[in-house]
Amino acid sequence: MTNLVRFAPGRELNKMQTEIDRIFNDFFPGRTYRLEREGLSTWTPRVDLSETEDGYIFSFDLPGINKKDITINFQDGVLTVSGERQFEEKKEEENYIRLERSRGEFSRAFNIPHAIQTDKIQANYKDGVLNIALLKAEEVKPIKVKVA
C-alpha cells in the first residue's frame, strides 16, 4: 500500500535552514552562546530593490522598529542597513503558546555597481517601511543621443 505525503516545500527549507544554522553555530560558538544567554536572535527583513535611470530605490519592511534603532551606512560601494527589533518584556502571568515574530539584530548589505552621489542619499521611515534612494553619479547615467 502506498502512503500519500503532502508536498510541503517550506518544511524542507526550514530543515535546511536549521542545519545551516547548526553548522554556523559550530564555527562561531561564542556568538551562539551570547545569543542563547541573552535571548537574542538574528533575522532578515524583506526588501524590494529597483533601479531607475537616475539611481536605486530600496524599500525595507521593518515593522515595530523604532527609527533610532536603524543604522544606514554607505562605504566603498556597499550599502549596509542594520538595526534591532527590541524584545517586549514577557509577563509571568501570560502563557505563550507560540512566539513567531522575529526579534533581535538584523543586517543587510548590498553591493552597488555604479558610482553614487553620496551627498544626496535620502532615507525616510514611515509606517514600518524604510525607503532609501541612491542617486547615480552623473558620469554613469545613460545618455540619450538623437539620430540626425
Protein backbone atom coordinates (compact mmCIF):
# COMPACT_ATOMS: atom_id res chain seq x y z
CA MET A 1 0.00 0.00 0.00
CA THR A 2 1.27 3.47 -0.87
CA ASN A 3 1.09 6.30 1.64
CA LEU A 4 0.35 9.76 0.37
CA VAL A 5 2.58 12.51 1.71
CA ARG A 6 1.58 16.13 1.36
CA PHE A 7 4.18 18.17 -0.52
CA ALA A 8 5.42 20.93 1.78
CA PRO A 9 8.49 22.70 0.33
CA GLY A 10 8.56 25.10 3.27
CA ARG A 11 9.17 22.25 5.68
CA GLU A 12 12.21 21.10 3.71
CA LEU A 13 13.57 24.65 3.54
CA ASN A 14 13.13 25.02 7.30
CA LYS A 15 15.06 21.77 7.85
CA MET A 16 17.84 23.03 5.60
CA GLN A 17 17.94 26.41 7.40
CA THR A 18 18.14 24.66 10.76
CA GLU A 19 21.05 22.54 9.54
CA ILE A 20 22.88 25.57 8.11
CA ASP A 21 22.33 27.42 11.40
CA ARG A 22 23.77 24.44 13.29
CA ILE A 23 26.86 24.40 11.06
CA PHE A 24 27.47 28.14 11.52
CA ASN A 25 26.89 27.82 15.26
CA ASP A 26 29.63 25.17 15.37
CA PHE A 27 32.04 27.63 13.70
CA PHE A 28 31.07 30.63 15.86
CA PRO A 29 30.34 29.18 19.31
CA GLY A 30 30.88 32.48 21.15
CA ARG A 31 28.12 34.19 19.20
CA THR A 32 25.76 31.28 19.72
CA TYR A 33 26.42 31.35 23.45
CA ARG A 34 25.74 35.09 23.59
CA LEU A 35 22.54 34.75 21.60
CA GLU A 36 21.20 31.92 23.74
CA ARG A 37 22.26 33.55 27.01
CA GLU A 38 20.74 36.94 26.21
CA GLY A 39 17.72 35.58 24.36
CA LEU A 40 18.72 37.38 21.15
CA SER A 41 18.38 36.16 17.61
CA THR A 42 19.06 37.40 14.12
CA TRP A 43 16.53 37.82 11.35
CA THR A 44 16.40 39.15 7.82
CA PRO A 45 13.90 41.82 6.85
CA ARG A 46 12.34 41.71 3.39
CA VAL A 47 13.49 44.31 0.87
CA ASP A 48 12.40 45.48 -2.57
CA LEU A 49 15.08 46.97 -4.82
CA SER A 50 14.53 48.76 -8.09
CA GLU A 51 16.88 50.52 -10.48
CA THR A 52 15.93 53.59 -12.46
CA GLU A 53 17.94 55.69 -14.91
CA ASP A 54 18.77 58.02 -12.03
CA GLY A 55 19.56 55.55 -9.26
CA TYR A 56 18.36 52.83 -6.92
CA ILE A 57 15.39 52.65 -4.59
CA PHE A 58 15.32 50.30 -1.60
CA SER A 59 12.19 49.58 0.45
CA PHE A 60 12.71 47.60 3.67
CA ASP A 61 9.88 46.11 5.72
CA LEU A 62 10.79 46.98 9.31
CA PRO A 63 7.53 46.98 11.30
CA GLY A 64 7.79 47.51 15.01
CA ILE A 65 11.26 49.05 14.87
CA ASN A 66 12.00 52.48 16.26
CA LYS A 67 13.92 54.58 13.73
CA LYS A 68 16.58 55.30 16.35
CA ASP A 69 17.39 51.56 16.21
CA ILE A 70 18.18 51.65 12.45
CA THR A 71 21.68 52.32 11.08
CA ILE A 72 22.39 53.08 7.42
CA ASN A 73 25.97 53.07 6.15
CA PHE A 74 27.34 53.57 2.62
CA GLN A 75 31.04 52.87 2.19
CA ASP A 76 33.18 51.59 -0.70
CA GLY A 77 30.15 50.91 -2.89
CA VAL A 78 28.29 48.89 -0.25
CA LEU A 79 25.00 49.95 1.31
CA THR A 80 24.51 48.37 4.74
CA VAL A 81 21.28 48.62 6.71
CA SER A 82 21.28 47.20 10.21
CA GLY A 83 19.39 47.53 13.43
CA GLU A 84 17.46 45.75 16.10
CA ARG A 85 13.86 44.95 16.86
CA GLN A 86 13.57 45.15 20.62
CA PHE A 87 12.11 42.34 22.67
CA GLU A 88 8.94 43.00 24.59
CA GLU A 89 9.07 42.14 28.25
CA LYS A 90 7.34 38.82 28.85
CA LYS A 91 4.85 38.92 31.66
CA GLU A 92 4.97 35.99 34.04
CA GLU A 93 1.17 35.58 34.07
CA GLU A 94 0.98 35.21 30.26
CA ASN A 95 1.16 31.67 28.99
CA TYR A 96 2.63 31.90 25.50
CA ILE A 97 1.72 29.02 23.24
CA ARG A 98 3.64 30.29 20.23
CA LEU A 99 6.14 33.09 19.59
CA GLU A 100 6.72 33.65 15.85
CA ARG A 101 7.55 37.32 15.49
CA SER A 102 11.22 37.85 14.75
CA ARG A 103 13.20 39.84 17.27
CA GLY A 104 16.82 40.82 17.68
CA GLU A 105 19.51 42.16 15.40
CA PHE A 106 19.48 42.29 11.61
CA SER A 107 21.89 43.40 8.90
CA ARG A 108 21.59 43.55 5.10
CA ALA A 109 24.39 44.61 2.73
CA PHE A 110 24.16 45.39 -0.99
CA ASN A 111 26.96 45.97 -3.49
CA ILE A 112 26.11 48.94 -5.68
CA PRO A 113 27.66 48.54 -9.16
CA HIS A 114 27.68 52.26 -10.06
CA ALA A 115 29.19 55.37 -8.53
CA ILE A 116 26.72 57.09 -6.19
CA GLN A 117 26.27 60.75 -5.20
CA THR A 118 26.88 60.14 -1.51
CA ASP A 119 25.84 63.66 -0.53
CA LYS A 120 22.37 63.04 -1.97
CA ILE A 121 21.45 59.75 -0.29
CA GLN A 122 17.94 60.03 1.11
CA ALA A 123 16.21 57.85 3.69
CA ASN A 124 12.80 58.08 5.28
CA TYR A 125 10.90 55.78 7.59
CA LYS A 126 7.13 55.73 7.77
CA ASP A 127 4.57 53.12 8.82
CA GLY A 128 7.21 50.41 9.25
CA VAL A 129 8.78 50.88 5.80
CA LEU A 130 12.28 52.28 5.34
CA ASN A 131 12.83 53.84 1.89
CA ILE A 132 16.35 54.66 0.73
CA ALA A 133 17.12 56.46 -2.55
CA LEU A 134 20.62 56.43 -4.03
CA LEU A 135 21.33 58.70 -6.99
CA LYS A 136 23.84 57.58 -9.61
CA ALA A 137 26.77 59.89 -10.26
CA GLU A 138 26.37 61.98 -13.42
CA GLU A 139 29.16 60.16 -15.26
CA VAL A 140 27.34 56.81 -15.07
CA LYS A 141 23.85 57.92 -16.07
CA PRO A 142 22.79 56.79 -19.53
CA ILE A 143 22.90 59.41 -22.24
CA LYS A 144 20.21 59.60 -24.90
CA VAL A 145 21.56 60.59 -28.30
CA LYS A 146 19.25 61.79 -31.06
CA VAL A 147 19.90 60.41 -34.50
CA ALA A 148 20.33 63.19 -37.05
